Each structure stands twice: as structure tokens, then as C-alpha cells.
């Protein structure tokens, strides 16, 4: 699990294409300081497992499913990437719960610079729209961000100077793809509520149904 607080801006050192996957070599001084075989490191929001570490470079295998669902397949040697090690149980949860399981990709639509921040608008796949709410959290290329507004087909976030200078979003341009991970809690709530919803109707609370049954029985007894 991750928090969406990027530790450093690394870069792709090399890519080895495989028949149905790819092996990435990624340079990052901070994340490799204590990394070992089997550790998890988020690369642009995608949780990857460390295969090997040599100096400041670690390698990780990326399967076809990940390449299809994320923007990792569009990267090349020298591409900057956001890096974050898995959170420890004794650390502060500075951002929000991020699994590193990308739900889909969006496209940076526009940038509006201001004096001390910048508003960035990003497209949102229709199937993810219901999970994104104003003032809620979303991970963009592994960065925990607060949704400023949600509109038709997209959302906006406000980026502070630190985010602009220390992550990939500082250099992204309109048309560039980004990885998106919505709040997993929203998806769990949807599934749980849906389990109690009758087909074609809204969800009903069990306690509410019991109360209605009791009221109906009382009315039948009191009826002359």
C-alpha cells in the first residue's frame, strides 16, 4: 500500500521488451537505498515488484495487463517517473490509501497557471466518473491529489509549487496520458450497498424494512 506522497522523481534507465511483458530498469537514489528483491515500489502510481537492485537502479517486470491499463507502455529511456516505496505501518498516512492498482488512464486537457499554484484539468473515463467527487481524493500518476471540481468528462486539481517541481505533473503537457486510481473505499461502498439493493431499485436498509413490517403489523391489529 502507498500514500500518494511521491518520494523522488526518478527516470527510466532501460526497457527490455518481452513476448507478453516488459522489464523496466528504473533509476532512483532514494527508493533504492533500502530496496531488496520482492519489495514494492510505485512507478507513476503502478505498484511494481523489485526483481533486482544494482546501485541506484532497480528492475521490475511489467505484465501485459499492466501495460494495457496504464501509461507505462508509452515510456522510454530517460522518461521521468514518480517513485514511492510501500508505506510502513509506523508511518503517517500523509496522502490517502493508494493501492498502486491503476483503474485507467486520463489525458491532461489544460493547464491554467496562477501566481502560487496551477489548475490542471484531466479527462476521466466514463466508467470511473461515479467514484470521483469534489473534495475527494484521487491518485494521478501516483500523486495523492484533492479533486477541486468535477465536470462533464473530466476533473480539475490544483497543484502547489512542490508538486510542480518534484513530480511528473510539472512537465506534463496537454495531450499527455496520466495513470488514474480512484478511491478504493468508494468502490467497496458501492459493492456493499449494491448487495442490498433490489433489482432495478434503490438500496434498502434492513433496519428500515423491519420497521416498515412492524408498522404494517401494528396497523393491522389496530384496524377495526
C-alpha atoms as a PDB file:
ATOM      1  CA  UNK A   1       0.000   0.000   0.000  1.00  0.00           C
ATOM      2  CA  UNK A   2       1.098   3.574  -0.696  1.00  0.00           C
ATOM      3  CA  UNK A   3       0.044   7.060   0.364  1.00  0.00           C
ATOM      4  CA  UNK A   4       0.439   9.006  -2.868  1.00  0.00           C
ATOM      5  CA  UNK A   5       3.264  11.120  -1.439  1.00  0.00           C
ATOM      6  CA  UNK A   6       5.998  10.920  -4.087  1.00  0.00           C
ATOM      7  CA  UNK A   7       9.462  10.392  -2.607  1.00  0.00           C
ATOM      8  CA  UNK A   8      11.514  11.307  -5.638  1.00  0.00           C
ATOM      9  CA  UNK A   9      11.473  11.941  -9.356  1.00  0.00           C
ATOM     10  CA  UNK A  10      13.365   9.071 -10.972  1.00  0.00           C
ATOM     11  CA  UNK A  11      13.838   8.060 -14.579  1.00  0.00           C
ATOM     12  CA  UNK A  12      13.586   5.062 -16.860  1.00  0.00           C
ATOM     13  CA  UNK A  13      17.106   3.710 -17.343  1.00  0.00           C
ATOM     14  CA  UNK A  14      16.159   0.987 -19.811  1.00  0.00           C
ATOM     15  CA  UNK A  15      13.374  -1.165 -21.228  1.00  0.00           C
ATOM     16  CA  UNK A  16      13.667  -4.811 -22.234  1.00  0.00           C
ATOM     17  CA  UNK A  17      10.654  -5.922 -24.340  1.00  0.00           C
ATOM     18  CA  UNK A  18       9.450  -9.467 -23.664  1.00  0.00           C
ATOM     19  CA  UNK A  19       6.922 -11.582 -25.574  1.00  0.00           C
ATOM     20  CA  UNK A  20       3.952 -10.614 -23.393  1.00  0.00           C
ATOM     21  CA  UNK A  21       5.551  -8.224 -20.911  1.00  0.00           C
ATOM     22  CA  UNK A  22       8.466  -5.841 -20.385  1.00  0.00           C
ATOM     23  CA  UNK A  23      11.299  -5.493 -17.906  1.00  0.00           C
ATOM     24  CA  UNK A  24      11.941  -1.945 -16.754  1.00  0.00           C
ATOM     25  CA  UNK A  25      15.166  -0.614 -15.285  1.00  0.00           C
ATOM     26  CA  UNK A  26      14.447   2.453 -13.153  1.00  0.00           C
ATOM     27  CA  UNK A  27      16.899   4.847 -11.556  1.00  0.00           C
ATOM     28  CA  UNK A  28      16.059   6.288  -8.153  1.00  0.00           C
ATOM     29  CA  UNK A  29      18.579   7.093  -5.439  1.00  0.00           C
ATOM     30  CA  UNK A  30      16.111   7.363  -2.565  1.00  0.00           C
ATOM     31  CA  UNK A  31      13.910   4.329  -3.220  1.00  0.00           C
ATOM     32  CA  UNK A  32      16.864   2.015  -3.857  1.00  0.00           C
ATOM     33  CA  UNK A  33      18.631   2.978  -0.613  1.00  0.00           C
ATOM     34  CA  UNK A  34      16.966   0.107   1.272  1.00  0.00           C
ATOM     35  CA  UNK A  35      15.244  -1.799  -1.539  1.00  0.00           C
ATOM     36  CA  UNK A  36      15.603  -5.528  -1.998  1.00  0.00           C
ATOM     37  CA  UNK A  37      14.202  -8.373  -4.055  1.00  0.00           C
ATOM     38  CA  UNK A  38      10.415  -8.630  -3.616  1.00  0.00           C
ATOM     39  CA  UNK A  39       9.864  -5.093  -2.325  1.00  0.00           C
ATOM     40  CA  UNK A  40       7.083  -2.944  -3.764  1.00  0.00           C
ATOM     41  CA  UNK A  41       7.738   0.428  -5.392  1.00  0.00           C
ATOM     42  CA  UNK A  42       5.113   2.557  -7.111  1.00  0.00           C
ATOM     43  CA  UNK A  43       6.203   3.854 -10.517  1.00  0.00           C
ATOM     44  CA  UNK A  44       3.853   6.581 -11.767  1.00  0.00           C
ATOM     45  CA  UNK A  45       1.256   5.068  -9.477  1.00  0.00           C
ATOM     46  CA  UNK A  46       1.742   1.461 -10.622  1.00  0.00           C
ATOM     47  CA  UNK A  47       2.813  -0.991  -7.924  1.00  0.00           C
ATOM     48  CA  UNK A  48       5.809  -2.939  -9.231  1.00  0.00           C
ATOM     49  CA  UNK A  49       7.804  -5.702  -7.551  1.00  0.00           C
ATOM     50  CA  UNK A  50      11.567  -5.285  -7.357  1.00  0.00           C
ATOM     51  CA  UNK A  51      13.397  -8.076  -9.189  1.00  0.00           C
ATOM     52  CA  UNK A  52      16.941  -6.832  -8.660  1.00  0.00           C
ATOM     53  CA  UNK A  53      18.861  -3.779  -7.424  1.00  0.00           C
ATOM     54  CA  UNK A  54      22.217  -2.588  -8.722  1.00  0.00           C
ATOM     55  CA  UNK A  55      23.406   0.672  -7.210  1.00  0.00           C
ATOM     56  CA  UNK A  56      20.720   3.298  -7.799  1.00  0.00           C
ATOM     57  CA  UNK A  57      18.860   1.222 -10.412  1.00  0.00           C
ATOM     58  CA  UNK A  58      16.203  -1.412  -9.773  1.00  0.00           C
ATOM     59  CA  UNK A  59      14.483  -3.687 -12.268  1.00  0.00           C
ATOM     60  CA  UNK A  60      10.852  -4.761 -12.331  1.00  0.00           C
ATOM     61  CA  UNK A  61       8.718  -6.907 -14.627  1.00  0.00           C
ATOM     62  CA  UNK A  62       5.552  -5.388 -16.071  1.00  0.00           C
ATOM     63  CA  UNK A  63       2.936  -7.808 -17.417  1.00  0.00           C
ATOM     64  CA  UNK A  64       0.710  -7.119 -20.425  1.00  0.00           C
ATOM     65  CA  UNK A  65      -2.331  -6.366 -18.251  1.00  0.00           C
ATOM     66  CA  UNK A  66      -0.424  -3.528 -16.596  1.00  0.00           C
ATOM     67  CA  UNK A  67       0.892  -2.211 -19.900  1.00  0.00           C
ATOM     68  CA  UNK A  68      -2.655  -2.198 -21.318  1.00  0.00           C
ATOM     69  CA  UNK A  69      -4.247  -0.470 -18.333  1.00  0.00           C
ATOM     70  CA  UNK A  70      -1.563   2.122 -17.617  1.00  0.00           C
ATOM     71  CA  UNK A  71       0.663   4.604 -19.402  1.00  0.00           C
ATOM     72  CA  UNK A  72       3.861   2.668 -18.597  1.00  0.00           C
ATOM     73  CA  UNK A  73       3.921   1.263 -22.118  1.00  0.00           C
ATOM     74  CA  UNK A  74       4.422   4.768 -23.510  1.00  0.00           C
ATOM     75  CA  UNK A  75       7.594   5.417 -21.506  1.00  0.00           C
ATOM     76  CA  UNK A  76      11.102   5.276 -22.933  1.00  0.00           C
ATOM     77  CA  UNK A  77      14.675   5.580 -21.662  1.00  0.00           C
ATOM     78  CA  UNK A  78      15.093   8.915 -19.927  1.00  0.00           C
ATOM     79  CA  UNK A  79      11.378   9.360 -19.167  1.00  0.00           C
ATOM     80  CA  UNK A  80      10.833  10.860 -15.700  1.00  0.00           C
ATOM     81  CA  UNK A  81       8.728   8.808 -13.273  1.00  0.00           C
ATOM     82  CA  UNK A  82       7.254   9.349  -9.821  1.00  0.00           C
ATOM     83  CA  UNK A  83       8.636   6.890  -7.264  1.00  0.00           C
ATOM     84  CA  UNK A  84       7.306   5.880  -3.857  1.00  0.00           C
ATOM     85  CA  UNK A  85       8.171   2.953  -1.615  1.00  0.00           C
ATOM     86  CA  UNK A  86       5.402   0.997   0.112  1.00  0.00           C
ATOM     87  CA  UNK A  87       4.281   2.653   3.346  1.00  0.00           C
ATOM     88  CA  UNK A  88       5.348   1.133   6.677  1.00  0.00           C
ATOM     89  CA  UNK A  89       2.802   0.512   9.442  1.00  0.00           C
ATOM     90  CA  UNK A  90       4.537   3.040  11.715  1.00  0.00           C
ATOM     91  CA  UNK A  91       4.425   5.899   9.183  1.00  0.00           C
ATOM     92  CA  UNK A  92       1.966   8.767   8.905  1.00  0.00           C
ATOM     93  CA  UNK A  93      -0.640   8.409   6.154  1.00  0.00           C
ATOM     94  CA  UNK A  94       0.190  11.744   4.559  1.00  0.00           C
ATOM     95  CA  UNK A  95      -1.983  11.353   1.454  1.00  0.00           C
ATOM     96  CA  UNK A  96      -4.721   8.734   1.154  1.00  0.00           C
ATOM     97  CA  UNK A  97      -4.939   4.959   0.715  1.00  0.00           C
ATOM     98  CA  UNK A  98      -3.363   4.180  -2.663  1.00  0.00           C
ATOM     99  CA  UNK A  99      -3.049   0.556  -3.772  1.00  0.00           C
ATOM    100  CA  UNK A 100      -0.938   1.057  -6.855  1.00  0.00           C
ATOM    101  CA  UNK A 101      -3.637  -0.685  -8.923  1.00  0.00           C
ATOM    102  CA  UNK A 102      -4.355   1.702 -11.774  1.00  0.00           C
ATOM    103  CA  UNK A 103      -8.043   1.877 -12.771  1.00  0.00           C
ATOM    104  CA  UNK A 104      -7.431   3.542 -16.117  1.00  0.00           C
ATOM    105  CA  UNK A 105      -5.748   6.417 -17.869  1.00  0.00           C
ATOM    106  CA  UNK A 106      -6.761  10.005 -18.480  1.00  0.00           C
ATOM    107  CA  UNK A 107      -5.345  12.766 -20.624  1.00  0.00           C
ATOM    108  CA  UNK A 108      -4.140  16.133 -19.406  1.00  0.00           C
ATOM    109  CA  UNK A 109      -6.555  18.597 -21.011  1.00  0.00           C
ATOM    110  CA  UNK A 110      -5.321  22.014 -19.932  1.00  0.00           C
ATOM    111  CA  UNK A 111      -3.120  23.987 -17.541  1.00  0.00           C
ATOM    112  CA  UNK A 112      -4.001  27.348 -16.003  1.00  0.00           C
ATOM    113  CA  UNK A 113      -1.044  28.877 -14.143  1.00  0.00           C
ATOM    114  CA  UNK A 114      -1.636  31.279 -11.267  1.00  0.00           C
ATOM    115  CA  UNK A 115       0.797  33.166  -9.057  1.00  0.00           C
ATOM    116  CA  UNK A 116       1.327  30.432  -6.462  1.00  0.00           C
ATOM    117  CA  UNK A 117      -0.357  27.360  -7.931  1.00  0.00           C
ATOM    118  CA  UNK A 118      -1.630  25.845 -11.141  1.00  0.00           C
ATOM    119  CA  UNK A 119      -5.011  24.394 -12.067  1.00  0.00           C
ATOM    120  CA  UNK A 120      -4.756  21.254 -14.182  1.00  0.00           C
ATOM    121  CA  UNK A 121      -7.737  19.615 -15.883  1.00  0.00           C
ATOM    122  CA  UNK A 122      -7.677  15.912 -16.696  1.00  0.00           C
ATOM    123  CA  UNK A 123     -10.087  13.731 -18.659  1.00  0.00           C
ATOM    124  CA  UNK A 124     -11.893  10.958 -16.821  1.00  0.00           C
ATOM    125  CA  UNK A 125     -13.097   7.657 -18.313  1.00  0.00           C
ATOM    126  CA  UNK A 126     -16.899   7.383 -18.079  1.00  0.00           C
ATOM    127  CA  UNK A 127     -16.737   4.190 -16.002  1.00  0.00           C
ATOM    128  CA  UNK A 128     -14.747   5.974 -13.271  1.00  0.00           C
ATOM    129  CA  UNK A 129     -16.832   9.155 -13.106  1.00  0.00           C
ATOM    130  CA  UNK A 130     -19.094   7.940 -10.285  1.00  0.00           C
ATOM    131  CA  UNK A 131     -16.125   7.420  -7.945  1.00  0.00           C
ATOM    132  CA  UNK A 132     -14.747  10.960  -8.246  1.00  0.00           C
ATOM    133  CA  UNK A 133     -16.307  13.705  -6.116  1.00  0.00           C
ATOM    134  CA  UNK A 134     -15.450  17.295  -5.320  1.00  0.00           C
ATOM    135  CA  UNK A 135     -13.003  17.489  -2.364  1.00  0.00           C
ATOM    136  CA  UNK A 136     -12.424  13.743  -2.627  1.00  0.00           C
ATOM    137  CA  UNK A 137      -9.073  12.066  -3.276  1.00  0.00           C
ATOM    138  CA  UNK A 138      -7.648  10.660  -6.490  1.00  0.00           C
ATOM    139  CA  UNK A 139      -4.189   9.401  -7.446  1.00  0.00           C
ATOM    140  CA  UNK A 140      -2.784  10.874 -10.665  1.00  0.00           C
ATOM    141  CA  UNK A 141       0.463   9.204 -11.758  1.00  0.00           C
ATOM    142  CA  UNK A 142       0.708   8.020  -8.160  1.00  0.00           C
ATOM    143  CA  UNK A 143       0.278  11.511  -6.666  1.00  0.00           C
ATOM    144  CA  UNK A 144      -2.402  11.913  -3.999  1.00  0.00           C
ATOM    145  CA  UNK A 145      -4.468  14.929  -5.033  1.00  0.00           C
ATOM    146  CA  UNK A 146      -7.657  16.601  -3.866  1.00  0.00           C
ATOM    147  CA  UNK A 147     -10.330  16.997  -6.526  1.00  0.00           C
ATOM    148  CA  UNK A 148     -11.131  20.678  -6.948  1.00  0.00           C
ATOM    149  CA  UNK A 149     -14.101  20.222  -9.260  1.00  0.00           C
ATOM    150  CA  UNK A 150     -15.753  17.581 -11.428  1.00  0.00           C
ATOM    151  CA  UNK A 151     -17.262  18.348 -14.809  1.00  0.00           C
ATOM    152  CA  UNK A 152     -18.512  16.527 -17.856  1.00  0.00           C
ATOM    153  CA  UNK A 153     -15.840  14.004 -18.796  1.00  0.00           C
ATOM    154  CA  UNK A 154     -13.129  15.320 -16.505  1.00  0.00           C
ATOM    155  CA  UNK A 155     -11.970  16.840 -13.235  1.00  0.00           C
ATOM    156  CA  UNK A 156      -9.645  19.589 -12.034  1.00  0.00           C
ATOM    157  CA  UNK A 157      -6.911  19.634  -9.409  1.00  0.00           C
ATOM    158  CA  UNK A 158      -4.863  22.498  -8.006  1.00  0.00           C
ATOM    159  CA  UNK A 159      -1.110  21.912  -7.833  1.00  0.00           C
ATOM    160  CA  UNK A 160       1.199  23.638  -5.364  1.00  0.00           C
ATOM    161  CA  UNK A 161       4.818  24.544  -6.284  1.00  0.00           C
ATOM    162  CA  UNK A 162       6.198  21.448  -4.512  1.00  0.00           C
ATOM    163  CA  UNK A 163       4.055  19.123  -6.633  1.00  0.00           C
ATOM    164  CA  UNK A 164       5.002  21.008  -9.791  1.00  0.00           C
ATOM    165  CA  UNK A 165       8.732  20.814  -9.103  1.00  0.00           C
ATOM    166  CA  UNK A 166       9.041  17.334  -7.590  1.00  0.00           C
ATOM    167  CA  UNK A 167       6.676  15.228  -9.724  1.00  0.00           C
ATOM    168  CA  UNK A 168       5.968  14.453 -13.369  1.00  0.00           C
ATOM    169  CA  UNK A 169       2.950  16.760 -13.384  1.00  0.00           C
ATOM    170  CA  UNK A 170       5.250  19.769 -13.511  1.00  0.00           C
ATOM    171  CA  UNK A 171       6.340  18.885 -17.064  1.00  0.00           C
ATOM    172  CA  UNK A 172       3.184  17.244 -18.440  1.00  0.00           C
ATOM    173  CA  UNK A 173       1.569  18.980 -21.392  1.00  0.00           C
ATOM    174  CA  UNK A 174      -1.955  18.876 -22.841  1.00  0.00           C
ATOM    175  CA  UNK A 175      -2.412  15.547 -24.585  1.00  0.00           C
ATOM    176  CA  UNK A 176      -0.067  13.625 -22.287  1.00  0.00           C
ATOM    177  CA  UNK A 177      -1.525  10.474 -20.646  1.00  0.00           C
ATOM    178  CA  UNK A 178      -1.684  10.001 -16.872  1.00  0.00           C
ATOM    179  CA  UNK A 179      -2.481   6.991 -14.691  1.00  0.00           C
ATOM    180  CA  UNK A 180      -5.612   7.255 -12.554  1.00  0.00           C
ATOM    181  CA  UNK A 181      -6.561   5.364  -9.410  1.00  0.00           C
ATOM    182  CA  UNK A 182      -9.841   6.273  -7.750  1.00  0.00           C
ATOM    183  CA  UNK A 183     -10.571   5.945  -4.042  1.00  0.00           C
ATOM    184  CA  UNK A 184     -10.856   2.217  -3.318  1.00  0.00           C
ATOM    185  CA  UNK A 185     -13.194   2.926  -0.377  1.00  0.00           C
ATOM    186  CA  UNK A 186     -15.781   4.320  -2.822  1.00  0.00           C
ATOM    187  CA  UNK A 187     -15.664   1.081  -4.833  1.00  0.00           C
ATOM    188  CA  UNK A 188     -16.139  -1.071  -1.724  1.00  0.00           C
ATOM    189  CA  UNK A 189     -19.080   1.043  -0.542  1.00  0.00           C
ATOM    190  CA  UNK A 190     -20.718   0.749  -3.958  1.00  0.00           C
ATOM    191  CA  UNK A 191     -20.432  -3.036  -3.922  1.00  0.00           C
ATOM    192  CA  UNK A 192     -21.712  -3.386  -0.351  1.00  0.00           C
ATOM    193  CA  UNK A 193     -24.687  -1.096  -0.929  1.00  0.00           C
ATOM    194  CA  UNK A 194     -25.458  -2.806  -4.222  1.00  0.00           C
ATOM    195  CA  UNK A 195     -25.705  -6.169  -2.466  1.00  0.00           C
ATOM    196  CA  UNK A 196     -28.781  -4.922  -0.556  1.00  0.00           C
ATOM    197  CA  UNK A 197     -30.435  -3.157  -3.478  1.00  0.00           C
ATOM    198  CA  UNK A 198     -33.410  -4.892  -5.146  1.00  0.00           C
ATOM    199  CA  UNK A 199     -33.110  -5.358  -8.898  1.00  0.00           C
ATOM    200  CA  UNK A 200     -33.962  -2.112 -10.653  1.00  0.00           C
ATOM    201  CA  UNK A 201     -34.466  -0.199  -7.418  1.00  0.00           C
ATOM    202  CA  UNK A 202     -32.501   1.780  -4.797  1.00  0.00           C
ATOM    203  CA  UNK A 203     -30.683   0.142  -1.918  1.00  0.00           C
ATOM    204  CA  UNK A 204     -32.805  -0.509   1.180  1.00  0.00           C
ATOM    205  CA  UNK A 205     -31.578  -0.698   4.737  1.00  0.00           C
ATOM    206  CA  UNK A 206     -32.504  -3.905   6.604  1.00  0.00           C
ATOM    207  CA  UNK A 207     -33.487  -1.934   9.724  1.00  0.00           C
ATOM    208  CA  UNK A 208     -35.805   0.248   7.624  1.00  0.00           C
ATOM    209  CA  UNK A 209     -37.517  -2.827   6.168  1.00  0.00           C
ATOM    210  CA  UNK A 210     -38.037  -4.316   9.641  1.00  0.00           C
ATOM    211  CA  UNK A 211     -39.507  -1.026  10.892  1.00  0.00           C
ATOM    212  CA  UNK A 212     -41.936  -0.909   7.955  1.00  0.00           C
ATOM    213  CA  UNK A 213     -43.010  -4.519   8.600  1.00  0.00           C
ATOM    214  CA  UNK A 214     -43.590  -3.794  12.294  1.00  0.00           C
ATOM    215  CA  UNK A 215     -45.641  -0.683  11.465  1.00  0.00           C
ATOM    216  CA  UNK A 216     -47.781  -2.631   8.989  1.00  0.00           C
ATOM    217  CA  UNK A 217     -48.458  -5.387  11.530  1.00  0.00           C
ATOM    218  CA  UNK A 218     -49.409  -2.795  14.189  1.00  0.00           C
ATOM    219  CA  UNK A 219     -51.844  -1.104  11.794  1.00  0.00           C
ATOM    220  CA  UNK A 220     -53.488  -4.444  11.020  1.00  0.00           C
ATOM    221  CA  UNK A 221     -54.005  -5.155  14.733  1.00  0.00           C
ATOM    222  CA  UNK A 222     -55.411  -1.684  15.472  1.00  0.00           C
ATOM    223  CA  UNK A 223     -57.710  -1.674  12.432  1.00  0.00           C
ATOM    224  CA  UNK A 224     -61.403  -2.108  13.485  1.00  0.00           C
END
